[in-house]
Amino acid sequence: MTELPRRSFLATAAISAGMLGSRRSFGGGAASCGERLRVGIIGCGGQGSSLAVKFAEIADVVCVCDPDEARRNQLGQKVNAAQAVSDLRRVLDDKTIDAVVVATPDHWHAPAAILACEAGKHVYVEKPQSHNLLESRWLLQAARRNKVVVQHGTQSRSNPLIADGVQLLREGIIGEVLVARAWNVQRRGSIGKEMPSEIPQGIDYDLWVGPAEYMPYQKNRLHYQWHWWYNFGTGDIGNDGTHEIDYARWGLGVEGLPSSAMAIGGKYFVDDDQQYPDTATCVFEWPNTGEVHKRRQLIFEMRLWDGSFPHNCDGGAEFHGSEGRMVLSKRGKLEVFDSKGKKVENPTPKEPTKVDGKHQLDFLNAIRERRKPNADVAIGHDSVALVHFANASVRLGRSLQIDAATEQIKNDAEANLLLGRVYRKEGHWATPKAGT
């Protein structure tokens, strides 16, 4: 891991504390309200393909990019892109492209997004916005330095139901919100056990690995199964869990990093090659000062072998307040119960929310209007920090005490190493670093 000098830590803390500017502080090449923006898609897997189709309805998708020749050609034809390329630098070098969508494996999220910021492109980056906390901080800095819009792919920030639920919490419908409990419960299959093998024709595997440590090609390391390897993914805490963690944190009303994080878990169910846990319970607290009425707690549960969904939702969040509780899920559920457990009928916020469910359109409009999007990179940073703290705590088997100002783990050098990563020993053109 590359250590970030203390002056960079303090600079980032200052940014987070209020130097980000107003909601309309963005410059760059913003198009006029009626002009269609030109977009490049980086990553042509399942999510990249889905996003390409959505963006093609509201923008001009002019280029698609993926190291897998078959995938990029198929998607290019589907959205009528003028170009289908393997190297993302060709997308970034195109001066006519206004924005890029980064829908690569996790280990490419921040490196590609940072390079795009430096090239003056606006960025829609899939969740989690980084493979590790250090890269997320660098992405935040790059976005602000280049005055570009960066939208995190946590669509719940543009979900009217979720926004209404959060507004109700702000209006005090369950009193003072003290605890949020989020969950990701589903049954995932085994990725099996494989050995390194020959790279399939048409895949530039070296380019796919990019700045990460090089590992030989193996069938269960590519195309979605990369999620479960430390070198490439963030496990399901970072995959589906990012969504629930994000709106649980939003509803809880906390900002910035927690003061403590603890997580237990491991592989309880499937015996295969995957390295990340299939079971985890994670707890975060803001702030750990002992002051009554200021402390808040967020609990996240993950079980990847369970078909019994809490409140009949595979993912969701439950908020506990001094005067009741709320169940909220992106699956379409918003239920409120008073302090005696009686259901509140048709809860409606007094102040209407203004989101319309169009997360991708919000990104494009933020570019045109020179403002921050609904899931701004700074919001994404605070949410993915919980993912990275949880993964570090599970791997180490111990709780973490966090210095929110420097974004470091107190008195734990081993834990701090897990907040960054090791890159290729021989170096790589996409390896990110502070200030670039």
Protein backbone atom coordinates (compact mmCIF):
# COMPACT_ATOMS: atom_id res chain seq x y z
CA MET A 1 0.00 0.00 0.00
CA THR A 2 1.11 3.55 -0.73
CA GLU A 3 0.88 5.60 2.47
CA LEU A 4 -0.84 8.97 2.20
CA PRO A 5 1.23 11.75 3.83
CA ARG A 6 -0.35 13.44 6.84
CA ARG A 7 -0.68 16.73 4.95
CA SER A 8 -2.90 14.94 2.42
CA PHE A 9 -5.02 13.48 5.22
CA LEU A 10 -5.52 16.93 6.67
CA ALA A 11 -6.28 18.40 3.27
CA THR A 12 -8.96 15.78 2.72
CA ALA A 13 -10.42 16.42 6.15
CA ALA A 14 -10.60 20.12 5.31
CA ILE A 15 -12.38 19.34 2.06
CA SER A 16 -14.91 17.19 3.88
CA ALA A 17 -15.39 19.88 6.51
CA GLY A 18 -16.66 22.49 4.10
CA MET A 19 -14.33 23.41 1.25
CA LEU A 20 -16.37 21.57 -1.38
CA GLY A 21 -18.22 24.66 -2.45
CA SER A 22 -21.90 25.24 -3.00
CA ARG A 23 -24.25 22.87 -4.81
CA ARG A 24 -23.67 24.88 -7.98
CA SER A 25 -19.90 25.15 -7.83
CA PHE A 26 -19.06 22.87 -10.74
CA GLY A 27 -17.33 24.07 -13.87
CA GLY A 28 -16.15 22.07 -16.84
CA GLY A 29 -17.81 21.35 -20.14
CA ALA A 30 -21.46 21.40 -19.14
CA ALA A 31 -23.87 21.20 -22.03
CA SER A 32 -26.91 23.39 -22.41
CA CYS A 33 -30.23 22.09 -21.09
CA GLY A 34 -31.45 20.87 -24.47
CA GLU A 35 -28.21 19.33 -25.72
CA ARG A 36 -27.69 15.57 -25.64
CA LEU A 37 -24.49 14.62 -23.92
CA ARG A 38 -21.99 12.14 -25.38
CA VAL A 39 -21.20 9.20 -23.14
CA GLY A 40 -18.62 6.42 -23.12
CA ILE A 41 -19.25 3.10 -21.34
CA ILE A 42 -16.26 1.47 -19.62
CA GLY A 43 -17.15 -2.10 -18.70
CA CYS A 44 -19.57 -4.18 -20.77
CA GLY A 45 -20.67 -6.85 -18.29
CA GLY A 46 -24.18 -7.23 -16.89
CA GLN A 47 -24.35 -3.89 -15.08
CA GLY A 48 -22.43 -2.03 -17.77
CA SER A 49 -24.79 -3.35 -20.43
CA SER A 50 -27.84 -2.39 -18.39
CA LEU A 51 -26.53 1.12 -17.83
CA ALA A 52 -25.56 1.50 -21.48
CA VAL A 53 -29.16 0.79 -22.52
CA LYS A 54 -30.50 3.29 -19.96
CA PHE A 55 -28.05 6.00 -21.00
CA ALA A 56 -28.75 5.38 -24.69
CA GLU A 57 -32.32 6.55 -24.04
CA ILE A 58 -31.22 9.93 -22.65
CA ALA A 59 -27.77 10.53 -24.17
CA ASP A 60 -25.61 9.51 -27.11
CA VAL A 61 -23.58 6.41 -26.22
CA VAL A 62 -20.73 6.84 -28.69
CA CYS A 63 -18.17 4.36 -27.39
CA VAL A 64 -18.04 1.14 -25.36
CA CYS A 65 -14.92 -0.35 -23.80
CA ASP A 66 -14.03 -3.77 -22.40
CA PRO A 67 -11.02 -6.13 -22.53
CA ASP A 68 -13.42 -8.89 -23.64
CA GLU A 69 -13.84 -8.54 -27.39
CA ALA A 70 -17.11 -10.45 -27.59
CA ARG A 71 -18.71 -8.41 -24.80
CA ARG A 72 -17.75 -5.02 -26.17
CA ASN A 73 -18.79 -5.87 -29.74
CA GLN A 74 -22.13 -7.23 -28.59
CA LEU A 75 -22.90 -4.17 -26.49
CA GLY A 76 -21.62 -1.79 -29.15
CA GLN A 77 -24.09 -3.22 -31.63
CA LYS A 78 -26.91 -3.16 -29.09
CA VAL A 79 -26.58 0.58 -28.40
CA ASN A 80 -25.30 1.56 -31.87
CA ALA A 81 -22.01 2.90 -30.51
CA ALA A 82 -19.62 4.23 -33.13
CA GLN A 83 -16.64 2.58 -31.42
CA ALA A 84 -15.92 -0.57 -29.40
CA VAL A 85 -12.43 -0.49 -27.88
CA SER A 86 -10.42 -2.50 -25.36
CA ASP A 87 -8.29 0.22 -23.74
CA LEU A 88 -10.10 2.88 -21.68
CA ARG A 89 -7.44 5.44 -22.58
CA ARG A 90 -8.96 5.63 -26.05
CA VAL A 91 -12.26 6.68 -24.46
CA LEU A 92 -10.59 9.30 -22.27
CA ASP A 93 -8.56 10.70 -25.18
CA ASP A 94 -11.73 11.43 -27.15
CA LYS A 95 -12.34 15.14 -26.59
CA THR A 96 -15.93 14.88 -27.84
CA ILE A 97 -17.00 12.59 -24.98
CA ASP A 98 -18.55 14.53 -22.09
CA ALA A 99 -18.97 11.75 -19.53
CA VAL A 100 -18.06 8.14 -18.87
CA VAL A 101 -19.79 5.32 -17.05
CA VAL A 102 -17.40 3.11 -15.05
CA ALA A 103 -18.99 -0.32 -14.66
CA THR A 104 -15.85 -2.42 -14.42
CA PRO A 105 -14.84 -4.88 -11.69
CA ASP A 106 -14.28 -3.11 -8.35
CA HIS A 107 -10.49 -2.96 -8.63
CA TRP A 108 -10.85 -0.68 -11.67
CA HIS A 109 -13.59 1.60 -10.27
CA ALA A 110 -11.44 4.31 -8.69
CA PRO A 111 -8.40 4.07 -11.03
CA ALA A 112 -10.62 4.47 -14.11
CA ALA A 113 -12.77 7.17 -12.51
CA ILE A 114 -9.70 9.15 -11.37
CA LEU A 115 -8.19 9.01 -14.85
CA ALA A 116 -11.52 10.20 -16.25
CA CYS A 117 -11.62 13.14 -13.82
CA GLU A 118 -8.10 14.09 -14.84
CA ALA A 119 -9.19 13.96 -18.47
CA GLY A 120 -11.99 16.42 -17.67
CA LYS A 121 -14.78 13.85 -18.00
CA HIS A 122 -17.78 13.67 -15.72
CA VAL A 123 -18.16 10.22 -14.18
CA TYR A 124 -20.95 7.84 -13.25
CA VAL A 125 -19.13 5.18 -11.22
CA GLU A 126 -20.72 1.94 -10.11
CA LYS A 127 -20.86 0.96 -6.45
CA PRO A 128 -18.74 0.66 -4.48
CA GLN A 129 -16.85 3.62 -5.90
CA SER A 130 -13.55 2.14 -4.78
CA HIS A 131 -11.82 -1.13 -4.01
CA ASN A 132 -10.41 0.41 -0.81
CA LEU A 133 -10.76 3.54 1.29
CA LEU A 134 -7.56 5.22 0.12
CA GLU A 135 -8.67 5.09 -3.51
CA SER A 136 -12.05 6.52 -2.59
CA ARG A 137 -10.36 9.51 -0.96
CA TRP A 138 -8.19 10.02 -4.04
CA LEU A 139 -11.28 9.90 -6.25
CA LEU A 140 -13.00 12.54 -4.11
CA GLN A 141 -9.94 14.76 -4.37
CA ALA A 142 -9.68 14.25 -8.15
CA ALA A 143 -13.35 15.13 -8.65
CA ARG A 144 -13.07 18.35 -6.67
CA ARG A 145 -9.73 19.33 -8.16
CA ASN A 146 -11.05 18.96 -11.71
CA LYS A 147 -14.52 20.37 -10.94
CA VAL A 148 -16.34 17.48 -12.53
CA VAL A 149 -19.57 15.73 -11.53
CA VAL A 150 -19.14 12.25 -10.07
CA GLN A 151 -22.30 10.24 -9.41
CA HIS A 152 -22.09 7.05 -7.30
CA GLY A 153 -24.24 4.17 -8.52
CA THR A 154 -26.35 3.97 -5.35
CA GLN A 155 -29.68 4.48 -7.06
CA SER A 156 -31.63 4.66 -3.80
CA ARG A 157 -30.50 8.28 -3.52
CA SER A 158 -32.85 8.95 -6.45
CA ASN A 159 -35.61 6.58 -5.29
CA PRO A 160 -38.77 8.55 -4.31
CA LEU A 161 -39.88 5.92 -1.78
CA ILE A 162 -36.50 5.89 -0.03
CA ALA A 163 -36.33 9.68 -0.11
CA ASP A 164 -39.84 9.91 1.39
CA GLY A 165 -38.84 7.50 4.15
CA VAL A 166 -35.76 9.52 4.99
CA GLN A 167 -37.79 12.75 4.98
CA LEU A 168 -40.31 11.20 7.38
CA LEU A 169 -37.45 10.27 9.69
CA ARG A 170 -36.15 13.84 9.51
CA GLU A 171 -39.63 15.11 10.41
CA GLY A 172 -39.61 12.96 13.52
CA ILE A 173 -42.21 10.34 12.66
CA ILE A 174 -40.49 7.82 14.99
CA GLY A 175 -38.89 10.39 17.26
CA GLU A 176 -35.13 10.51 17.61
CA VAL A 177 -33.56 7.89 15.33
CA LEU A 178 -30.90 6.05 17.34
CA VAL A 179 -30.29 2.74 15.58
CA ALA A 180 -30.50 1.48 11.99
CA ARG A 181 -30.37 -2.21 11.09
CA ALA A 182 -29.74 -3.07 7.44
CA TRP A 183 -29.48 -6.46 5.80
CA ASN A 184 -28.52 -8.32 2.63
CA VAL A 185 -30.02 -11.81 2.75
CA GLN A 186 -30.03 -14.09 -0.29
CA ARG A 187 -28.82 -17.48 -1.48
CA ARG A 188 -25.73 -17.41 -3.67
CA GLY A 189 -24.18 -20.41 -5.33
CA SER A 190 -20.67 -21.82 -5.14
CA ILE A 191 -17.91 -20.55 -7.44
CA GLY A 192 -16.28 -23.97 -7.20
CA LYS A 193 -12.60 -24.77 -7.03
CA GLU A 194 -10.41 -24.16 -10.04
CA MET A 195 -6.76 -24.06 -11.05
CA PRO A 196 -5.01 -21.52 -13.30
CA SER A 197 -5.66 -22.26 -16.96
CA GLU A 198 -5.22 -20.89 -20.46
CA ILE A 199 -6.67 -17.45 -21.14
CA PRO A 200 -9.68 -17.65 -23.48
CA GLN A 201 -9.28 -16.17 -26.93
CA GLY A 202 -10.53 -12.62 -27.29
CA ILE A 203 -9.84 -11.53 -23.70
CA ASP A 204 -6.97 -9.17 -22.91
CA TYR A 205 -6.47 -10.55 -19.42
CA ASP A 206 -3.42 -8.41 -18.65
CA LEU A 207 -5.49 -5.31 -19.35
CA TRP A 208 -8.36 -6.72 -17.27
CA VAL A 209 -6.04 -7.15 -14.23
CA GLY A 210 -4.73 -3.63 -14.74
CA PRO A 211 -3.02 -2.02 -11.73
CA ALA A 212 -4.00 -4.81 -9.31
CA GLU A 213 -1.50 -7.47 -8.28
CA TYR A 214 -1.16 -9.91 -11.13
CA MET A 215 -2.81 -13.29 -10.61
CA PRO A 216 -2.91 -16.02 -13.28
CA TYR A 217 -6.14 -16.44 -15.19
CA GLN A 218 -8.59 -18.80 -13.53
CA LYS A 219 -12.16 -19.53 -14.67
CA ASN A 220 -13.74 -18.50 -11.37
CA ARG A 221 -11.92 -15.17 -11.15
CA LEU A 222 -13.51 -13.49 -14.15
CA HIS A 223 -16.96 -12.24 -15.17
CA TYR A 224 -18.88 -11.54 -11.97
CA GLN A 225 -17.02 -14.11 -9.86
CA TRP A 226 -14.26 -11.56 -9.36
CA HIS A 227 -16.50 -10.14 -6.60
CA TRP A 228 -15.34 -12.83 -4.17
CA TRP A 229 -11.56 -12.34 -4.50
CA TYR A 230 -9.64 -9.89 -2.29
CA ASN A 231 -7.56 -8.75 -5.26
CA PHE A 232 -10.48 -7.70 -7.44
CA GLY A 233 -13.70 -7.32 -5.44
CA THR A 234 -15.13 -6.23 -2.10
CA GLY A 235 -17.34 -9.24 -1.41
CA ASP A 236 -21.09 -8.93 -1.03
CA ILE A 237 -20.70 -6.36 1.74
CA GLY A 238 -19.37 -4.13 -1.04
CA ASN A 239 -21.60 -5.54 -3.75
CA ASP A 240 -25.29 -5.62 -2.80
CA GLY A 241 -24.56 -4.50 0.75
CA THR A 242 -23.42 -1.05 -0.37
CA HIS A 243 -27.01 -0.15 -1.31
CA GLU A 244 -28.52 -1.01 2.07
CA ILE A 245 -25.60 0.45 4.02
CA ASP A 246 -25.96 3.69 2.06
CA TYR A 247 -29.64 4.37 2.72
CA ALA A 248 -29.41 3.05 6.29
CA ARG A 249 -26.70 5.66 6.91
CA TRP A 250 -28.84 8.28 5.16
CA GLY A 251 -31.87 7.52 7.30
CA LEU A 252 -29.82 7.38 10.49
CA GLY A 253 -28.76 10.95 9.78
CA VAL A 254 -25.04 10.56 10.35
CA GLU A 255 -22.29 12.23 8.34
CA GLY A 256 -18.62 11.50 8.09
CA LEU A 257 -16.86 8.38 9.24
CA PRO A 258 -17.84 6.40 12.33
CA SER A 259 -15.66 6.37 15.42
CA SER A 260 -15.70 2.59 15.73
CA ALA A 261 -16.40 -0.46 13.59
CA MET A 262 -16.56 -4.13 14.48
CA ALA A 263 -17.53 -7.13 12.38
CA ILE A 264 -17.56 -10.88 12.77
CA GLY A 265 -18.18 -13.48 10.11
CA GLY A 266 -16.63 -15.84 7.63
CA LYS A 267 -17.46 -18.72 5.31
CA TYR A 268 -20.22 -20.62 7.06
CA PHE A 269 -21.90 -22.39 4.17
CA VAL A 270 -20.07 -23.01 0.87
CA ASP A 271 -16.64 -24.63 0.62
CA ASP A 272 -15.18 -23.09 -2.51
CA ASP A 273 -12.43 -20.71 -3.66
CA GLN A 274 -14.10 -17.46 -2.66
CA GLN A 275 -12.19 -15.46 -0.06
CA TYR A 276 -14.86 -13.09 1.26
CA PRO A 277 -17.36 -14.16 3.92
CA ASP A 278 -20.83 -15.48 3.16
CA THR A 279 -21.95 -14.48 6.66
CA ALA A 280 -21.22 -11.28 8.55
CA THR A 281 -22.61 -9.02 11.26
CA CYS A 282 -21.15 -5.52 11.26
CA VAL A 283 -21.69 -2.68 13.75
CA PHE A 284 -20.68 0.97 13.43
CA GLU A 285 -21.01 3.82 15.95
CA TRP A 286 -20.99 7.64 15.69
CA PRO A 287 -19.41 9.13 17.78
CA ASN A 288 -17.88 7.05 20.54
CA THR A 289 -17.80 9.90 23.07
CA GLY A 290 -20.22 8.53 25.64
CA GLU A 291 -22.45 11.61 25.32
CA VAL A 292 -26.12 10.70 25.65
CA HIS A 293 -28.37 11.68 22.69
CA LYS A 294 -25.40 12.05 20.34
CA ARG A 295 -24.51 8.42 19.77
CA ARG A 296 -25.88 6.52 16.77
CA GLN A 297 -25.49 2.90 15.74
CA LEU A 298 -25.76 1.13 12.37
CA ILE A 299 -25.93 -2.66 12.16
CA PHE A 300 -25.49 -4.56 8.89
CA GLU A 301 -26.25 -8.27 8.52
CA MET A 302 -25.30 -10.47 5.57
CA ARG A 303 -26.29 -14.09 4.99
CA LEU A 304 -25.69 -15.47 1.51
CA TRP A 305 -27.28 -18.86 2.18
CA ASP A 306 -30.61 -17.80 3.69
CA GLY A 307 -33.95 -17.73 1.89
CA SER A 308 -35.90 -16.32 4.85
CA PHE A 309 -35.98 -12.60 4.19
CA PRO A 310 -36.57 -10.10 7.01
CA HIS A 311 -39.90 -8.34 6.36
CA ASN A 312 -40.11 -10.34 3.10
CA CYS A 313 -37.33 -8.24 1.55
CA ASP A 314 -33.91 -9.60 0.57
CA GLY A 315 -32.46 -6.18 1.32
CA GLY A 316 -33.69 -3.36 3.49
CA ALA A 317 -33.26 -1.26 6.60
CA GLU A 318 -35.16 -0.95 9.87
CA PHE A 319 -34.90 2.26 11.86
CA HIS A 320 -35.50 2.35 15.62
CA GLY A 321 -36.42 5.66 17.19
CA SER A 322 -37.53 6.92 20.57
CA GLU A 323 -41.18 6.94 19.41
CA GLY A 324 -41.41 3.96 17.04
CA ARG A 325 -39.75 2.21 14.14
CA MET A 326 -39.71 2.21 10.33
CA VAL A 327 -39.08 -0.56 7.80
CA LEU A 328 -37.74 0.71 4.47
CA SER A 329 -36.63 -1.22 1.40
CA LYS A 330 -35.76 -0.39 -2.19
CA ARG A 331 -38.02 -3.35 -3.01
CA GLY A 332 -40.98 -1.03 -2.45
CA LYS A 333 -41.68 -1.22 1.28
CA LEU A 334 -42.21 1.69 3.68
CA GLU A 335 -43.91 0.80 6.97
CA VAL A 336 -44.08 2.85 10.17
CA PHE A 337 -45.07 1.66 13.64
CA ASP A 338 -45.63 3.84 16.68
CA SER A 339 -44.09 3.29 20.12
CA LYS A 340 -46.80 0.73 20.97
CA GLY A 341 -46.29 -1.26 17.79
CA LYS A 342 -49.40 0.02 16.02
CA LYS A 343 -48.99 0.49 12.29
CA VAL A 344 -49.23 4.07 11.04
CA GLU A 345 -51.44 4.15 7.94
CA ASN A 346 -50.29 5.95 4.79
CA PRO A 347 -47.29 7.83 6.20
CA THR A 348 -46.62 10.87 4.03
CA PRO A 349 -43.93 13.50 4.54
CA LYS A 350 -45.07 17.05 5.23
CA GLU A 351 -42.34 18.40 2.96
CA PRO A 352 -42.50 16.71 -0.48
CA THR A 353 -39.26 15.19 -1.74
CA LYS A 354 -38.02 16.14 -5.19
CA VAL A 355 -36.33 13.00 -6.52
CA ASP A 356 -37.98 11.21 -9.42
CA GLY A 357 -36.31 7.80 -9.60
CA LYS A 358 -34.13 8.71 -12.58
CA HIS A 359 -30.61 8.28 -11.19
CA GLN A 360 -28.88 8.37 -14.57
CA LEU A 361 -30.85 11.42 -15.69
CA ASP A 362 -29.99 13.17 -12.42
CA PHE A 363 -26.32 12.66 -13.31
CA LEU A 364 -26.74 14.23 -16.74
CA ASN A 365 -28.80 17.10 -15.36
CA ALA A 366 -26.18 17.74 -12.68
CA ILE A 367 -23.64 18.19 -15.48
CA ARG A 368 -25.93 20.60 -17.33
CA GLU A 369 -26.86 22.54 -14.19
CA ARG A 370 -23.31 22.54 -12.78
CA ARG A 371 -24.36 21.09 -9.44
CA LYS A 372 -23.77 18.04 -7.31
CA PRO A 373 -25.81 14.94 -8.15
CA ASN A 374 -28.04 13.02 -5.72
CA ALA A 375 -25.30 10.48 -4.93
CA ASP A 376 -22.32 12.80 -5.03
CA VAL A 377 -18.85 11.29 -4.67
CA ALA A 378 -18.53 12.69 -1.13
CA ILE A 379 -21.71 10.86 -0.08
CA GLY A 380 -20.35 7.74 -1.74
CA HIS A 381 -17.07 8.10 0.12
CA ASP A 382 -18.71 8.10 3.55
CA SER A 383 -20.86 5.09 2.66
CA VAL A 384 -18.16 2.91 1.11
CA ALA A 385 -15.93 3.67 4.09
CA LEU A 386 -18.26 1.41 6.10
CA VAL A 387 -17.77 -1.37 3.55
CA HIS A 388 -14.01 -1.13 3.82
CA PHE A 389 -14.00 -0.94 7.62
CA ALA A 390 -16.28 -3.98 7.82
CA ASN A 391 -14.16 -6.04 5.46
CA ALA A 392 -11.00 -5.12 7.37
CA SER A 393 -12.58 -6.00 10.72
CA VAL A 394 -13.81 -9.40 9.49
CA ARG A 395 -10.43 -10.27 8.00
CA LEU A 396 -8.53 -9.27 11.13
CA GLY A 397 -11.05 -10.59 13.64
CA ARG A 398 -11.01 -7.47 15.79
CA SER A 399 -12.77 -4.16 16.29
CA LEU A 400 -11.41 -0.91 14.89
CA GLN A 401 -11.15 2.51 16.51
CA ILE A 402 -11.26 5.19 13.83
CA ASP A 403 -9.81 8.68 13.64
CA ALA A 404 -12.40 10.30 11.39
CA ALA A 405 -10.26 13.37 10.67
CA THR A 406 -7.33 11.41 9.22
CA GLU A 407 -9.40 8.41 8.08
CA GLN A 408 -6.98 6.06 9.80
CA ILE A 409 -7.40 3.21 12.26
CA LYS A 410 -5.96 4.15 15.61
CA ASN A 411 -2.93 2.17 16.80
CA ASP A 412 -3.36 -0.57 14.20
CA ALA A 413 -0.83 -0.60 11.36
CA GLU A 414 -2.10 -3.91 10.03
CA ALA A 415 -5.65 -2.60 9.72
CA ASN A 416 -4.46 0.57 7.99
CA LEU A 417 -2.74 -1.54 5.34
CA LEU A 418 -6.14 -3.01 4.48
CA LEU A 419 -7.50 0.49 3.84
CA GLY A 420 -5.21 0.65 0.81
CA ARG A 421 -3.90 -2.08 -1.44
CA VAL A 422 -0.77 -3.52 -3.06
CA TYR A 423 -0.40 -2.72 -6.76
CA ARG A 424 1.68 -4.45 -9.41
CA LYS A 425 5.32 -4.56 -8.46
CA GLU A 426 6.40 -3.64 -11.98
CA GLY A 427 4.05 -0.67 -12.02
CA HIS A 428 1.07 0.13 -14.24
CA TRP A 429 -0.12 3.24 -16.04
CA ALA A 430 -3.45 3.22 -14.17
CA THR A 431 -2.02 2.96 -10.65
CA PRO A 432 -3.60 5.87 -8.74
CA LYS A 433 -1.88 8.01 -6.17
CA ALA A 434 -2.54 11.12 -4.14
CA GLY A 435 -2.64 14.35 -6.09
CA THR A 436 -3.03 12.82 -9.55
